[in-house]
Amino acid sequence: MCLKLIGVKLRGDDKIMFLHIGEEHMVSLKDIVLISDYKSTTFSEITNEFLNISEEEGFIIDYSSGNPRSFVLTGETIYLSMISSTTLAKRIDRLYEKNGG
């Protein structure tokens, strides 16, 4: 069974929530700045330049097996995911609904 979303209870009502982004990798929701569709955003010259420079500088981690459908931007890293941005967004919505967020 693959965990799609998890919430780890800390003290009181504090929780750390994680989003499964593919290949058994998860990202803390508090670190996510943006989730974007890979195909639709790479039509933009500015986005392409941003992603190219990020790759050259080593800020991109590919968890998509070479077939990215979305990218997840955090403060320090860009993760390429084989999971669509729509599915990732639905997972976040379900997590917040489940945890009263």
N, C-alpha and C. Protein backbone atom coordinates (compact mmCIF):
# COMPACT_ATOMS: atom_id res chain seq x y z
N MET A 1 0.84 -1.19 0.00
CA MET A 1 0.00 0.00 0.00
C MET A 1 0.88 1.24 0.00
N CYS A 2 0.59 2.17 -0.86
CA CYS A 2 1.38 3.39 -0.99
C CYS A 2 0.67 4.52 -0.26
N LEU A 3 1.38 5.18 0.64
CA LEU A 3 0.82 6.33 1.34
C LEU A 3 0.87 7.54 0.43
N LYS A 4 -0.25 8.17 0.21
CA LYS A 4 -0.31 9.35 -0.63
C LYS A 4 -0.12 10.62 0.19
N LEU A 5 -0.69 10.65 1.36
CA LEU A 5 -0.61 11.81 2.24
C LEU A 5 -0.43 11.32 3.65
N ILE A 6 0.34 12.02 4.42
CA ILE A 6 0.42 11.66 5.82
C ILE A 6 0.47 12.91 6.66
N GLY A 7 -0.05 12.81 7.85
CA GLY A 7 0.05 13.88 8.82
C GLY A 7 0.72 13.30 10.06
N VAL A 8 1.76 13.92 10.50
CA VAL A 8 2.47 13.44 11.68
C VAL A 8 2.12 14.35 12.84
N LYS A 9 1.52 13.79 13.86
CA LYS A 9 1.10 14.60 15.00
C LYS A 9 2.30 14.90 15.90
N LEU A 10 2.42 16.15 16.25
CA LEU A 10 3.46 16.58 17.18
C LEU A 10 2.81 16.83 18.53
N ARG A 11 3.04 17.97 19.11
CA ARG A 11 2.41 18.34 20.38
C ARG A 11 1.09 19.05 20.11
N GLY A 12 0.12 18.80 20.94
CA GLY A 12 -1.15 19.50 20.82
C GLY A 12 -1.76 19.33 19.45
N ASP A 13 -2.09 20.46 18.81
CA ASP A 13 -2.73 20.42 17.50
C ASP A 13 -1.73 20.57 16.36
N ASP A 14 -0.44 20.74 16.68
CA ASP A 14 0.57 20.92 15.64
C ASP A 14 0.77 19.62 14.86
N LYS A 15 0.84 19.75 13.55
CA LYS A 15 1.10 18.60 12.70
C LYS A 15 2.07 19.00 11.61
N ILE A 16 2.86 18.04 11.19
CA ILE A 16 3.67 18.23 9.99
C ILE A 16 3.01 17.36 8.93
N MET A 17 2.65 17.96 7.82
CA MET A 17 1.97 17.21 6.76
C MET A 17 2.88 17.10 5.56
N PHE A 18 2.83 15.92 4.92
CA PHE A 18 3.68 15.63 3.78
C PHE A 18 2.85 15.24 2.57
N LEU A 19 3.36 15.59 1.40
CA LEU A 19 2.73 15.23 0.13
C LEU A 19 3.62 14.25 -0.60
N HIS A 20 3.04 13.11 -0.99
CA HIS A 20 3.76 12.11 -1.79
C HIS A 20 3.83 12.62 -3.23
N ILE A 21 5.05 12.76 -3.77
CA ILE A 21 5.21 13.33 -5.11
C ILE A 21 5.72 12.31 -6.13
N GLY A 22 5.84 11.05 -5.72
CA GLY A 22 6.25 10.00 -6.65
C GLY A 22 7.52 9.31 -6.20
N GLU A 23 7.69 8.09 -6.69
CA GLU A 23 8.86 7.27 -6.40
C GLU A 23 9.19 7.24 -4.91
N GLU A 24 8.16 7.10 -4.10
CA GLU A 24 8.30 6.99 -2.65
C GLU A 24 8.95 8.22 -2.00
N HIS A 25 8.83 9.37 -2.62
CA HIS A 25 9.38 10.61 -2.06
C HIS A 25 8.25 11.52 -1.61
N MET A 26 8.50 12.22 -0.49
CA MET A 26 7.51 13.13 0.04
C MET A 26 8.15 14.47 0.35
N VAL A 27 7.31 15.51 0.30
CA VAL A 27 7.75 16.87 0.58
C VAL A 27 6.82 17.43 1.64
N SER A 28 7.40 18.13 2.60
CA SER A 28 6.60 18.77 3.64
C SER A 28 5.75 19.87 3.01
N LEU A 29 4.46 19.90 3.35
CA LEU A 29 3.57 20.91 2.79
C LEU A 29 4.02 22.32 3.13
N LYS A 30 4.61 22.50 4.30
CA LYS A 30 5.03 23.85 4.70
C LYS A 30 6.16 24.38 3.81
N ASP A 31 6.87 23.48 3.12
CA ASP A 31 7.97 23.90 2.25
C ASP A 31 7.54 24.20 0.82
N ILE A 32 6.32 23.79 0.44
CA ILE A 32 5.87 23.95 -0.94
C ILE A 32 5.46 25.40 -1.21
N VAL A 33 6.07 25.96 -2.26
CA VAL A 33 5.75 27.32 -2.70
C VAL A 33 4.76 27.27 -3.86
N LEU A 34 4.95 26.30 -4.77
CA LEU A 34 4.15 26.23 -5.99
C LEU A 34 4.13 24.81 -6.50
N ILE A 35 2.97 24.39 -7.01
CA ILE A 35 2.84 23.15 -7.78
C ILE A 35 2.30 23.57 -9.13
N SER A 36 2.99 23.17 -10.20
CA SER A 36 2.60 23.62 -11.52
C SER A 36 2.61 22.48 -12.53
N ASP A 37 1.74 22.58 -13.52
CA ASP A 37 1.72 21.64 -14.63
C ASP A 37 2.96 21.87 -15.48
N TYR A 38 3.69 20.83 -15.76
CA TYR A 38 4.97 20.95 -16.46
C TYR A 38 4.78 21.40 -17.91
N LYS A 39 3.88 20.74 -18.64
CA LYS A 39 3.72 21.05 -20.07
C LYS A 39 3.22 22.47 -20.31
N SER A 40 2.18 22.86 -19.59
CA SER A 40 1.59 24.17 -19.86
C SER A 40 2.49 25.32 -19.46
N THR A 41 3.31 25.14 -18.44
CA THR A 41 4.17 26.24 -18.01
C THR A 41 5.48 26.31 -18.79
N THR A 42 5.88 25.23 -19.42
CA THR A 42 7.14 25.27 -20.16
C THR A 42 6.98 25.88 -21.54
N PHE A 43 5.77 26.32 -21.90
CA PHE A 43 5.58 27.09 -23.13
C PHE A 43 6.14 28.51 -22.96
N SER A 44 6.23 28.95 -21.72
CA SER A 44 6.73 30.28 -21.42
C SER A 44 8.25 30.30 -21.52
N GLU A 45 8.78 31.27 -22.23
CA GLU A 45 10.22 31.42 -22.35
C GLU A 45 10.88 31.69 -21.00
N ILE A 46 10.22 32.49 -20.18
CA ILE A 46 10.75 32.82 -18.86
C ILE A 46 10.81 31.58 -17.97
N THR A 47 9.74 30.78 -17.99
CA THR A 47 9.73 29.55 -17.19
C THR A 47 10.80 28.58 -17.67
N ASN A 48 10.94 28.45 -18.99
CA ASN A 48 11.98 27.58 -19.54
C ASN A 48 13.36 28.03 -19.09
N GLU A 49 13.60 29.32 -19.13
CA GLU A 49 14.89 29.86 -18.70
C GLU A 49 15.12 29.57 -17.21
N PHE A 50 14.08 29.79 -16.42
CA PHE A 50 14.16 29.52 -14.98
C PHE A 50 14.51 28.05 -14.71
N LEU A 51 13.81 27.13 -15.40
CA LEU A 51 14.05 25.70 -15.20
C LEU A 51 15.43 25.29 -15.71
N ASN A 52 15.85 25.85 -16.84
CA ASN A 52 17.18 25.53 -17.38
C ASN A 52 18.30 25.97 -16.44
N ILE A 53 18.19 27.19 -15.94
CA ILE A 53 19.20 27.70 -15.00
C ILE A 53 19.18 26.88 -13.71
N SER A 54 17.98 26.55 -13.23
CA SER A 54 17.85 25.75 -12.02
C SER A 54 18.50 24.38 -12.19
N GLU A 55 18.33 23.80 -13.37
CA GLU A 55 18.94 22.49 -13.64
C GLU A 55 20.47 22.62 -13.69
N GLU A 56 20.95 23.65 -14.38
CA GLU A 56 22.40 23.88 -14.46
C GLU A 56 23.02 24.07 -13.07
N GLU A 57 22.29 24.73 -12.19
CA GLU A 57 22.79 25.02 -10.84
C GLU A 57 22.57 23.86 -9.87
N GLY A 58 21.89 22.80 -10.32
CA GLY A 58 21.69 21.62 -9.49
C GLY A 58 20.52 21.71 -8.52
N PHE A 59 19.55 22.57 -8.82
CA PHE A 59 18.40 22.73 -7.93
C PHE A 59 17.23 21.83 -8.29
N ILE A 60 17.33 21.07 -9.37
CA ILE A 60 16.23 20.20 -9.80
C ILE A 60 16.54 18.76 -9.46
N ILE A 61 15.54 18.11 -8.84
CA ILE A 61 15.61 16.68 -8.58
C ILE A 61 14.47 16.02 -9.35
N ASP A 62 14.82 15.06 -10.19
CA ASP A 62 13.83 14.42 -11.06
C ASP A 62 13.33 13.12 -10.45
N TYR A 63 12.08 13.14 -9.98
CA TYR A 63 11.41 11.93 -9.49
C TYR A 63 10.37 11.46 -10.49
N SER A 64 10.51 11.90 -11.74
CA SER A 64 9.51 11.58 -12.76
C SER A 64 9.93 10.47 -13.70
N SER A 65 11.08 9.89 -13.48
CA SER A 65 11.64 8.87 -14.38
C SER A 65 11.75 9.42 -15.80
N GLY A 66 12.07 10.70 -15.90
CA GLY A 66 12.26 11.34 -17.20
C GLY A 66 10.98 11.73 -17.91
N ASN A 67 9.84 11.62 -17.24
CA ASN A 67 8.55 11.95 -17.84
C ASN A 67 7.76 12.87 -16.91
N PRO A 68 8.23 14.14 -16.74
CA PRO A 68 7.56 15.03 -15.78
C PRO A 68 6.18 15.47 -16.24
N ARG A 69 5.23 15.41 -15.30
CA ARG A 69 3.89 15.93 -15.55
C ARG A 69 3.65 17.19 -14.73
N SER A 70 4.47 17.35 -13.68
CA SER A 70 4.34 18.55 -12.84
C SER A 70 5.69 18.84 -12.21
N PHE A 71 5.79 20.05 -11.64
CA PHE A 71 6.95 20.33 -10.80
C PHE A 71 6.49 20.99 -9.52
N VAL A 72 7.22 20.68 -8.46
CA VAL A 72 6.92 21.19 -7.13
C VAL A 72 8.09 22.07 -6.72
N LEU A 73 7.79 23.34 -6.52
CA LEU A 73 8.81 24.32 -6.16
C LEU A 73 8.80 24.52 -4.65
N THR A 74 9.97 24.36 -4.04
CA THR A 74 10.13 24.67 -2.62
C THR A 74 11.12 25.82 -2.53
N GLY A 75 11.44 26.24 -1.34
CA GLY A 75 12.37 27.35 -1.17
C GLY A 75 13.76 27.06 -1.70
N GLU A 76 14.14 25.79 -1.78
CA GLU A 76 15.50 25.45 -2.18
C GLU A 76 15.60 24.49 -3.36
N THR A 77 14.52 23.79 -3.69
CA THR A 77 14.59 22.72 -4.67
C THR A 77 13.36 22.73 -5.56
N ILE A 78 13.54 22.24 -6.79
CA ILE A 78 12.43 22.00 -7.70
C ILE A 78 12.39 20.49 -7.93
N TYR A 79 11.26 19.88 -7.61
CA TYR A 79 11.08 18.45 -7.80
C TYR A 79 10.22 18.21 -9.03
N LEU A 80 10.70 17.40 -9.96
CA LEU A 80 9.90 16.99 -11.10
C LEU A 80 9.16 15.73 -10.69
N SER A 81 7.86 15.70 -10.97
CA SER A 81 7.02 14.58 -10.56
C SER A 81 6.28 14.00 -11.75
N MET A 82 6.09 12.68 -11.73
CA MET A 82 5.30 12.01 -12.76
C MET A 82 3.81 12.11 -12.47
N ILE A 83 3.45 12.69 -11.33
CA ILE A 83 2.06 12.84 -10.92
C ILE A 83 1.57 14.22 -11.36
N SER A 84 0.38 14.27 -11.92
CA SER A 84 -0.14 15.54 -12.44
C SER A 84 -0.34 16.55 -11.32
N SER A 85 -0.26 17.83 -11.67
CA SER A 85 -0.47 18.89 -10.70
C SER A 85 -1.89 18.85 -10.13
N THR A 86 -2.86 18.43 -10.94
CA THR A 86 -4.24 18.31 -10.49
C THR A 86 -4.36 17.25 -9.39
N THR A 87 -3.72 16.11 -9.60
CA THR A 87 -3.75 15.04 -8.60
C THR A 87 -3.05 15.48 -7.32
N LEU A 88 -1.91 16.14 -7.45
CA LEU A 88 -1.20 16.63 -6.26
C LEU A 88 -2.07 17.61 -5.48
N ALA A 89 -2.75 18.51 -6.20
CA ALA A 89 -3.62 19.49 -5.54
C ALA A 89 -4.77 18.80 -4.82
N LYS A 90 -5.36 17.77 -5.45
CA LYS A 90 -6.44 17.02 -4.81
C LYS A 90 -5.96 16.33 -3.54
N ARG A 91 -4.74 15.81 -3.57
CA ARG A 91 -4.18 15.16 -2.38
C ARG A 91 -4.05 16.16 -1.23
N ILE A 92 -3.61 17.35 -1.55
CA ILE A 92 -3.48 18.38 -0.52
C ILE A 92 -4.85 18.74 0.04
N ASP A 93 -5.84 18.92 -0.85
CA ASP A 93 -7.20 19.23 -0.40
C ASP A 93 -7.73 18.15 0.53
N ARG A 94 -7.53 16.88 0.16
CA ARG A 94 -8.01 15.78 1.01
C ARG A 94 -7.31 15.77 2.36
N LEU A 95 -6.03 16.08 2.35
CA LEU A 95 -5.29 16.10 3.62
C LEU A 95 -5.84 17.18 4.54
N TYR A 96 -6.08 18.36 3.99
CA TYR A 96 -6.61 19.44 4.82
C TYR A 96 -8.02 19.14 5.29
N GLU A 97 -8.84 18.53 4.42
CA GLU A 97 -10.19 18.15 4.83
C GLU A 97 -10.15 17.14 5.96
N LYS A 98 -9.28 16.16 5.82
CA LYS A 98 -9.16 15.08 6.82
C LYS A 98 -8.69 15.64 8.16
N ASN A 99 -7.83 16.65 8.12
CA ASN A 99 -7.24 17.18 9.34
C ASN A 99 -7.86 18.50 9.79
N GLY A 100 -9.00 18.85 9.20
CA GLY A 100 -9.70 20.06 9.62
C GLY A 100 -8.94 21.33 9.35
N GLY A 101 -8.17 21.32 8.25
CA GLY A 101 -7.26 22.39 7.98
C GLY A 101 -7.72 23.51 7.20
